[in-house]
N, C-alpha and C. Protein backbone atom coordinates (compact mmCIF):
# COMPACT_ATOMS: atom_id res chain seq x y z
N MET A 1 88.35 -23.66 223.29
CA MET A 1 88.80 -22.76 222.25
C MET A 1 89.18 -23.57 221.01
N MET A 2 88.68 -23.14 219.87
CA MET A 2 89.01 -23.82 218.62
C MET A 2 90.28 -23.21 218.04
N THR A 3 91.09 -24.06 217.44
CA THR A 3 92.28 -23.59 216.77
C THR A 3 91.89 -23.05 215.40
N PHE A 4 92.38 -21.87 215.08
CA PHE A 4 92.12 -21.26 213.79
C PHE A 4 92.65 -22.17 212.69
N ASN A 5 91.86 -22.34 211.63
CA ASN A 5 92.25 -23.19 210.52
C ASN A 5 92.02 -22.44 209.21
N ALA A 6 93.10 -21.90 208.66
CA ALA A 6 93.00 -21.10 207.44
C ALA A 6 92.46 -21.91 206.27
N ARG A 7 92.93 -23.14 206.14
CA ARG A 7 92.49 -23.96 205.00
C ARG A 7 91.00 -24.23 205.03
N ALA A 8 90.46 -24.43 206.20
CA ALA A 8 89.02 -24.71 206.30
C ALA A 8 88.19 -23.47 205.97
N LEU A 9 88.75 -22.30 206.20
CA LEU A 9 88.01 -21.06 205.97
C LEU A 9 88.02 -20.63 204.50
N VAL A 10 89.00 -21.07 203.73
CA VAL A 10 89.10 -20.66 202.32
C VAL A 10 87.83 -20.99 201.53
N PRO A 11 87.33 -22.23 201.53
CA PRO A 11 86.14 -22.49 200.72
C PRO A 11 84.90 -21.74 201.21
N THR A 12 84.81 -21.47 202.49
CA THR A 12 83.68 -20.72 203.02
C THR A 12 83.68 -19.30 202.47
N ILE A 13 84.82 -18.65 202.54
CA ILE A 13 84.91 -17.27 202.05
C ILE A 13 84.78 -17.23 200.53
N ALA A 14 85.37 -18.19 199.85
CA ALA A 14 85.23 -18.25 198.39
C ALA A 14 83.77 -18.46 198.00
N GLY A 15 83.04 -19.24 198.78
CA GLY A 15 81.61 -19.44 198.52
C GLY A 15 80.83 -18.15 198.69
N PHE A 16 81.18 -17.38 199.70
CA PHE A 16 80.52 -16.08 199.88
C PHE A 16 80.83 -15.16 198.71
N ARG A 17 82.05 -15.20 198.21
CA ARG A 17 82.41 -14.37 197.06
C ARG A 17 81.53 -14.73 195.86
N ASP A 18 81.35 -16.02 195.62
CA ASP A 18 80.49 -16.46 194.53
C ASP A 18 79.06 -15.95 194.72
N GLU A 19 78.58 -15.99 195.95
CA GLU A 19 77.23 -15.50 196.26
C GLU A 19 77.12 -14.00 196.01
N VAL A 20 78.14 -13.27 196.39
CA VAL A 20 78.15 -11.81 196.17
C VAL A 20 78.09 -11.51 194.67
N LEU A 21 78.88 -12.23 193.88
CA LEU A 21 78.89 -12.00 192.43
C LEU A 21 77.55 -12.38 191.80
N ALA A 22 76.94 -13.45 192.28
CA ALA A 22 75.62 -13.84 191.76
C ALA A 22 74.58 -12.78 192.12
N SER A 23 74.65 -12.27 193.33
CA SER A 23 73.73 -11.23 193.78
C SER A 23 73.92 -9.94 192.99
N ARG A 24 75.15 -9.67 192.60
CA ARG A 24 75.46 -8.44 191.86
C ARG A 24 74.72 -8.38 190.53
N THR A 25 74.49 -9.52 189.91
CA THR A 25 73.83 -9.53 188.60
C THR A 25 72.41 -8.96 188.67
N ALA A 26 71.81 -8.99 189.86
CA ALA A 26 70.45 -8.45 190.02
C ALA A 26 70.45 -6.96 190.35
N CYS A 27 71.61 -6.37 190.54
CA CYS A 27 71.68 -4.95 190.91
C CYS A 27 71.27 -4.07 189.73
N THR A 28 70.41 -3.11 190.02
CA THR A 28 70.02 -2.16 188.99
C THR A 28 70.62 -0.78 189.24
N ALA A 29 71.10 -0.55 190.44
CA ALA A 29 71.69 0.75 190.78
C ALA A 29 73.21 0.62 190.85
N ALA A 30 73.89 1.65 190.39
CA ALA A 30 75.35 1.67 190.41
C ALA A 30 75.88 1.55 191.84
N PHE A 31 75.19 2.18 192.79
CA PHE A 31 75.61 2.13 194.20
C PHE A 31 75.62 0.69 194.70
N ALA A 32 74.57 -0.04 194.44
CA ALA A 32 74.47 -1.44 194.90
C ALA A 32 75.53 -2.29 194.21
N ALA A 33 75.74 -2.07 192.93
CA ALA A 33 76.76 -2.83 192.21
C ALA A 33 78.15 -2.55 192.79
N ALA A 34 78.41 -1.29 193.13
CA ALA A 34 79.71 -0.92 193.70
C ALA A 34 79.92 -1.59 195.06
N LEU A 35 78.87 -1.68 195.87
CA LEU A 35 78.99 -2.38 197.16
C LEU A 35 79.38 -3.83 196.94
N HIS A 36 78.73 -4.46 195.99
CA HIS A 36 79.03 -5.86 195.67
C HIS A 36 80.48 -6.01 195.19
N ASP A 37 80.90 -5.11 194.30
CA ASP A 37 82.27 -5.17 193.78
C ASP A 37 83.29 -5.01 194.90
N THR A 38 83.04 -4.06 195.79
CA THR A 38 83.97 -3.82 196.91
C THR A 38 84.04 -5.03 197.82
N LEU A 39 82.89 -5.60 198.15
CA LEU A 39 82.88 -6.78 199.02
C LEU A 39 83.59 -7.94 198.35
N ALA A 40 83.35 -8.17 197.06
CA ALA A 40 84.02 -9.26 196.35
C ALA A 40 85.53 -9.07 196.37
N ALA A 41 86.00 -7.84 196.17
CA ALA A 41 87.44 -7.56 196.19
C ALA A 41 88.02 -7.82 197.58
N LYS A 42 87.30 -7.43 198.62
CA LYS A 42 87.78 -7.67 199.98
C LYS A 42 87.82 -9.17 200.28
N LEU A 43 86.84 -9.90 199.79
CA LEU A 43 86.84 -11.35 199.99
C LEU A 43 88.00 -12.00 199.23
N ASP A 44 88.33 -11.47 198.05
CA ASP A 44 89.51 -11.96 197.32
C ASP A 44 90.77 -11.76 198.16
N ARG A 45 90.89 -10.58 198.78
CA ARG A 45 92.07 -10.30 199.61
C ARG A 45 92.09 -11.22 200.85
N ALA A 46 90.91 -11.50 201.39
CA ALA A 46 90.84 -12.40 202.54
C ALA A 46 91.31 -13.81 202.16
N VAL A 47 90.89 -14.29 201.00
CA VAL A 47 91.32 -15.62 200.56
C VAL A 47 92.84 -15.65 200.34
N ALA A 48 93.38 -14.61 199.72
CA ALA A 48 94.83 -14.54 199.52
C ALA A 48 95.56 -14.54 200.87
N ALA A 49 95.03 -13.80 201.83
CA ALA A 49 95.64 -13.75 203.16
C ALA A 49 95.55 -15.12 203.84
N LEU A 50 94.46 -15.83 203.61
CA LEU A 50 94.32 -17.17 204.20
C LEU A 50 95.35 -18.14 203.60
N HIS A 51 95.61 -18.02 202.31
CA HIS A 51 96.64 -18.87 201.70
C HIS A 51 98.01 -18.58 202.31
N GLU A 52 98.31 -17.31 202.52
CA GLU A 52 99.58 -16.95 203.19
C GLU A 52 99.62 -17.51 204.60
N GLU A 53 98.48 -17.42 205.30
CA GLU A 53 98.40 -17.92 206.67
C GLU A 53 98.61 -19.43 206.70
N ALA A 54 98.07 -20.14 205.73
CA ALA A 54 98.24 -21.59 205.67
C ALA A 54 99.71 -21.95 205.47
N GLU A 55 100.41 -21.18 204.66
CA GLU A 55 101.85 -21.42 204.46
C GLU A 55 102.62 -21.20 205.76
N THR A 56 102.27 -20.16 206.50
CA THR A 56 102.93 -19.89 207.79
C THR A 56 102.66 -21.03 208.76
N GLU A 57 101.43 -21.48 208.80
CA GLU A 57 101.06 -22.57 209.71
C GLU A 57 101.83 -23.84 209.36
N MET A 58 101.95 -24.14 208.08
CA MET A 58 102.69 -25.33 207.67
C MET A 58 104.16 -25.23 208.07
N ARG A 59 104.73 -24.05 207.90
CA ARG A 59 106.14 -23.84 208.27
C ARG A 59 106.33 -24.06 209.77
N LEU A 60 105.42 -23.51 210.57
CA LEU A 60 105.54 -23.67 212.02
C LEU A 60 105.21 -25.09 212.46
N ALA A 61 104.29 -25.74 211.78
CA ALA A 61 103.93 -27.12 212.13
C ALA A 61 105.11 -28.06 211.90
N ALA A 62 105.95 -27.73 210.93
CA ALA A 62 107.12 -28.56 210.65
C ALA A 62 108.07 -28.61 211.84
N GLY A 63 108.03 -27.59 212.67
CA GLY A 63 108.92 -27.54 213.84
C GLY A 63 108.32 -28.15 215.08
N LYS A 64 107.08 -28.63 214.99
CA LYS A 64 106.46 -29.24 216.18
C LYS A 64 107.22 -30.48 216.60
N GLY A 65 107.16 -30.75 217.88
CA GLY A 65 107.89 -31.90 218.41
C GLY A 65 109.18 -31.50 219.09
N THR A 66 109.52 -30.23 218.94
CA THR A 66 110.68 -29.69 219.65
C THR A 66 110.16 -28.66 220.64
N GLU A 67 110.94 -28.36 221.64
CA GLU A 67 110.49 -27.40 222.66
C GLU A 67 110.18 -26.04 222.03
N ASP A 68 111.12 -25.53 221.24
CA ASP A 68 110.91 -24.23 220.60
C ASP A 68 109.79 -24.30 219.57
N GLY A 69 109.75 -25.38 218.80
CA GLY A 69 108.73 -25.53 217.77
C GLY A 69 107.33 -25.58 218.34
N ASP A 70 107.15 -26.34 219.41
CA ASP A 70 105.83 -26.42 220.06
C ASP A 70 105.43 -25.06 220.62
N PHE A 71 106.39 -24.37 221.23
CA PHE A 71 106.11 -23.06 221.81
C PHE A 71 105.70 -22.06 220.71
N LEU A 72 106.47 -22.01 219.62
CA LEU A 72 106.15 -21.07 218.54
C LEU A 72 104.79 -21.39 217.90
N TYR A 73 104.50 -22.67 217.73
CA TYR A 73 103.22 -23.08 217.14
C TYR A 73 102.06 -22.65 218.04
N GLU A 74 102.23 -22.84 219.33
CA GLU A 74 101.18 -22.46 220.29
C GLU A 74 100.98 -20.94 220.32
N ILE A 75 102.07 -20.20 220.35
CA ILE A 75 101.99 -18.73 220.34
C ILE A 75 101.34 -18.24 219.06
N TYR A 76 101.73 -18.82 217.94
CA TYR A 76 101.16 -18.44 216.64
C TYR A 76 99.64 -18.58 216.67
N HIS A 77 99.14 -19.67 217.24
CA HIS A 77 97.70 -19.91 217.25
C HIS A 77 96.97 -19.12 218.33
N THR A 78 97.68 -18.37 219.15
CA THR A 78 97.01 -17.50 220.12
C THR A 78 96.20 -16.45 219.37
N CYS A 79 96.78 -15.86 218.35
CA CYS A 79 96.07 -14.94 217.46
C CYS A 79 96.90 -14.81 216.20
N THR A 80 96.47 -15.49 215.15
CA THR A 80 97.21 -15.46 213.89
C THR A 80 97.13 -14.08 213.27
N THR A 81 98.00 -13.84 212.30
CA THR A 81 97.98 -12.56 211.60
C THR A 81 96.62 -12.33 210.95
N PHE A 82 96.06 -13.37 210.33
CA PHE A 82 94.75 -13.24 209.70
C PHE A 82 93.68 -12.86 210.73
N GLU A 83 93.66 -13.57 211.84
CA GLU A 83 92.68 -13.26 212.88
C GLU A 83 92.82 -11.82 213.36
N HIS A 84 94.05 -11.40 213.56
CA HIS A 84 94.28 -10.04 214.03
C HIS A 84 93.76 -9.00 213.03
N LEU A 85 94.13 -9.17 211.76
CA LEU A 85 93.78 -8.16 210.75
C LEU A 85 92.33 -8.24 210.28
N TRP A 86 91.76 -9.43 210.22
CA TRP A 86 90.44 -9.59 209.62
C TRP A 86 89.33 -9.79 210.64
N MET A 87 89.66 -10.22 211.86
CA MET A 87 88.62 -10.55 212.83
C MET A 87 88.68 -9.72 214.10
N GLU A 88 89.87 -9.47 214.58
CA GLU A 88 90.01 -8.84 215.89
C GLU A 88 90.16 -7.32 215.83
N SER A 89 90.48 -6.77 214.69
CA SER A 89 90.77 -5.34 214.60
C SER A 89 89.55 -4.47 214.33
N GLY A 90 88.39 -5.01 214.51
CA GLY A 90 87.18 -4.22 214.31
C GLY A 90 86.55 -4.46 212.96
N PRO A 91 85.42 -3.84 212.74
CA PRO A 91 84.70 -4.06 211.49
C PRO A 91 85.45 -3.50 210.28
N ILE A 92 85.11 -4.04 209.12
CA ILE A 92 85.70 -3.62 207.85
C ILE A 92 84.58 -3.06 207.00
N SER A 93 84.68 -1.81 206.62
CA SER A 93 83.61 -1.16 205.88
C SER A 93 83.73 -1.42 204.38
N ILE A 94 82.57 -1.65 203.76
CA ILE A 94 82.53 -1.79 202.31
C ILE A 94 82.13 -0.48 201.64
N LEU A 95 81.99 0.56 202.44
CA LEU A 95 81.76 1.91 201.90
C LEU A 95 83.00 2.75 202.16
N ASP A 96 82.91 3.63 203.12
CA ASP A 96 84.04 4.51 203.44
C ASP A 96 85.05 3.79 204.33
N GLU A 97 86.32 4.17 204.20
CA GLU A 97 87.34 3.67 205.11
C GLU A 97 87.05 4.26 206.49
N ILE A 98 87.03 3.42 207.50
CA ILE A 98 86.67 3.89 208.84
C ILE A 98 87.86 3.94 209.79
N TYR A 99 89.03 3.64 209.24
CA TYR A 99 90.27 3.73 210.01
C TYR A 99 91.29 4.48 209.18
N GLU A 100 92.21 5.11 209.87
CA GLU A 100 93.31 5.80 209.21
C GLU A 100 94.59 5.43 209.94
N ASP A 101 95.64 5.17 209.19
CA ASP A 101 96.94 4.90 209.80
C ASP A 101 97.66 6.22 210.00
N VAL A 102 98.03 6.49 211.23
CA VAL A 102 98.74 7.72 211.58
C VAL A 102 100.17 7.32 211.95
N VAL A 103 101.15 7.99 211.34
CA VAL A 103 102.56 7.69 211.60
C VAL A 103 103.15 8.85 212.40
N ALA A 104 103.78 8.50 213.52
CA ALA A 104 104.46 9.49 214.35
C ALA A 104 105.74 8.87 214.88
N GLU A 105 106.84 9.54 214.64
CA GLU A 105 108.15 9.09 215.10
C GLU A 105 108.43 7.65 214.66
N GLY A 106 108.06 7.34 213.44
CA GLY A 106 108.34 6.02 212.88
C GLY A 106 107.38 4.92 213.30
N GLU A 107 106.46 5.22 214.17
CA GLU A 107 105.48 4.24 214.63
C GLU A 107 104.15 4.49 213.93
N THR A 108 103.47 3.43 213.54
CA THR A 108 102.17 3.55 212.89
C THR A 108 101.10 3.13 213.88
N CYS A 109 100.08 3.94 213.97
CA CYS A 109 98.97 3.67 214.86
C CYS A 109 97.67 3.74 214.06
N ARG A 110 96.83 2.76 214.20
CA ARG A 110 95.54 2.74 213.52
C ARG A 110 94.53 3.52 214.35
N VAL A 111 93.92 4.52 213.72
CA VAL A 111 92.98 5.37 214.42
C VAL A 111 91.60 5.21 213.80
N GLY A 112 90.62 4.95 214.64
CA GLY A 112 89.24 4.83 214.16
C GLY A 112 88.63 6.21 213.94
N LEU A 113 87.90 6.34 212.85
CA LEU A 113 87.21 7.59 212.54
C LEU A 113 85.77 7.50 213.02
N ASP A 114 85.14 8.65 213.19
CA ASP A 114 83.71 8.64 213.53
C ASP A 114 82.94 8.23 212.29
N TYR A 115 82.07 7.26 212.44
CA TYR A 115 81.31 6.78 211.29
C TYR A 115 79.91 6.36 211.71
N THR A 116 79.05 6.26 210.73
CA THR A 116 77.68 5.81 210.93
C THR A 116 77.48 4.54 210.11
N VAL A 117 76.94 3.53 210.75
CA VAL A 117 76.69 2.25 210.08
C VAL A 117 75.30 2.28 209.45
N ILE A 118 75.24 1.87 208.19
CA ILE A 118 73.95 1.70 207.54
C ILE A 118 73.43 0.33 207.98
N PRO A 119 72.26 0.28 208.59
CA PRO A 119 71.74 -1.01 209.06
C PRO A 119 71.63 -2.02 207.92
N THR A 120 71.97 -3.27 208.21
CA THR A 120 71.99 -4.30 207.18
C THR A 120 70.62 -4.48 206.53
N GLU A 121 69.55 -4.26 207.28
CA GLU A 121 68.22 -4.42 206.70
C GLU A 121 67.92 -3.37 205.63
N GLN A 122 68.68 -2.29 205.61
CA GLN A 122 68.52 -1.26 204.58
C GLN A 122 69.40 -1.51 203.35
N LEU A 123 70.19 -2.56 203.39
CA LEU A 123 71.13 -2.84 202.31
C LEU A 123 70.62 -3.89 201.32
N GLY A 124 69.42 -4.37 201.54
CA GLY A 124 68.88 -5.38 200.64
C GLY A 124 69.59 -6.70 200.81
N GLU A 125 69.74 -7.42 199.72
CA GLU A 125 70.31 -8.76 199.76
C GLU A 125 71.73 -8.79 200.30
N ILE A 126 72.51 -7.77 200.02
CA ILE A 126 73.90 -7.77 200.51
C ILE A 126 73.95 -7.67 202.04
N GLY A 127 72.94 -7.07 202.65
CA GLY A 127 72.89 -7.01 204.11
C GLY A 127 72.81 -8.39 204.73
N GLY A 128 72.02 -9.26 204.13
CA GLY A 128 71.93 -10.64 204.60
C GLY A 128 73.24 -11.39 204.42
N ILE A 129 73.92 -11.12 203.32
CA ILE A 129 75.21 -11.76 203.07
C ILE A 129 76.22 -11.31 204.12
N LEU A 130 76.23 -10.01 204.44
CA LEU A 130 77.15 -9.50 205.46
C LEU A 130 76.90 -10.18 206.80
N ASP A 131 75.63 -10.35 207.17
CA ASP A 131 75.29 -11.02 208.43
C ASP A 131 75.79 -12.47 208.44
N ARG A 132 75.59 -13.19 207.35
CA ARG A 132 76.03 -14.59 207.29
C ARG A 132 77.55 -14.71 207.32
N ILE A 133 78.24 -13.79 206.65
CA ILE A 133 79.71 -13.81 206.69
C ILE A 133 80.18 -13.66 208.14
N ARG A 134 79.58 -12.72 208.86
CA ARG A 134 79.97 -12.50 210.25
C ARG A 134 79.72 -13.76 211.09
N ARG A 135 78.55 -14.34 210.95
CA ARG A 135 78.20 -15.52 211.75
C ARG A 135 79.07 -16.73 211.42
N GLU A 136 79.37 -16.93 210.14
CA GLU A 136 80.06 -18.15 209.73
C GLU A 136 81.58 -18.04 209.71
N THR A 137 82.11 -16.81 209.67
CA THR A 137 83.57 -16.67 209.59
C THR A 137 84.16 -15.84 210.72
N GLY A 138 83.37 -15.00 211.34
CA GLY A 138 83.91 -14.10 212.36
C GLY A 138 84.41 -12.78 211.79
N ILE A 139 84.34 -12.62 210.47
CA ILE A 139 84.75 -11.36 209.83
C ILE A 139 83.53 -10.46 209.76
N GLU A 140 83.65 -9.26 210.32
CA GLU A 140 82.52 -8.34 210.36
C GLU A 140 82.69 -7.24 209.31
N PHE A 141 81.97 -7.41 208.20
CA PHE A 141 81.90 -6.36 207.20
C PHE A 141 80.67 -5.52 207.51
N ILE A 142 80.82 -4.20 207.36
CA ILE A 142 79.71 -3.29 207.56
C ILE A 142 79.70 -2.29 206.40
N ALA A 143 78.59 -1.61 206.25
CA ALA A 143 78.51 -0.50 205.31
C ALA A 143 78.47 0.75 206.18
N ALA A 144 79.54 1.55 206.13
CA ALA A 144 79.65 2.71 207.02
C ALA A 144 80.04 3.94 206.23
N ARG A 145 79.52 5.06 206.70
CA ARG A 145 79.85 6.37 206.15
C ARG A 145 80.56 7.20 207.19
N VAL A 146 81.62 7.87 206.78
CA VAL A 146 82.37 8.76 207.68
C VAL A 146 81.72 10.13 207.66
């Protein structure tokens, strides 16, 4: 098992963002441009989340060498907040929101909606970018309609 490394992932995701913006310049349809804009914004949020994750990791790493510090560091790397929100919680749509947060008695539960995925081969160049992001980062972006 590899240990999650937020710092190593930042340049990869930032590189994909640059690729998305370069691809956007060739878009002739508003729909395609909007997909690119949405994906670029989500990648921006992912990079910001990775910077926060790196700060958390540094804080916990400072406590290593102690019984509690080693334990907390190990637990943290079992599934970081970034991994949970961006990798483990299911796909992230660049079209319609495919999850809804439902609050009952003060508890929030994420509920998946029924959706249809547009196959990546029908998305043109951005479909290939989505596939590479998934393979290289573990983040699964999809184009889905509710």
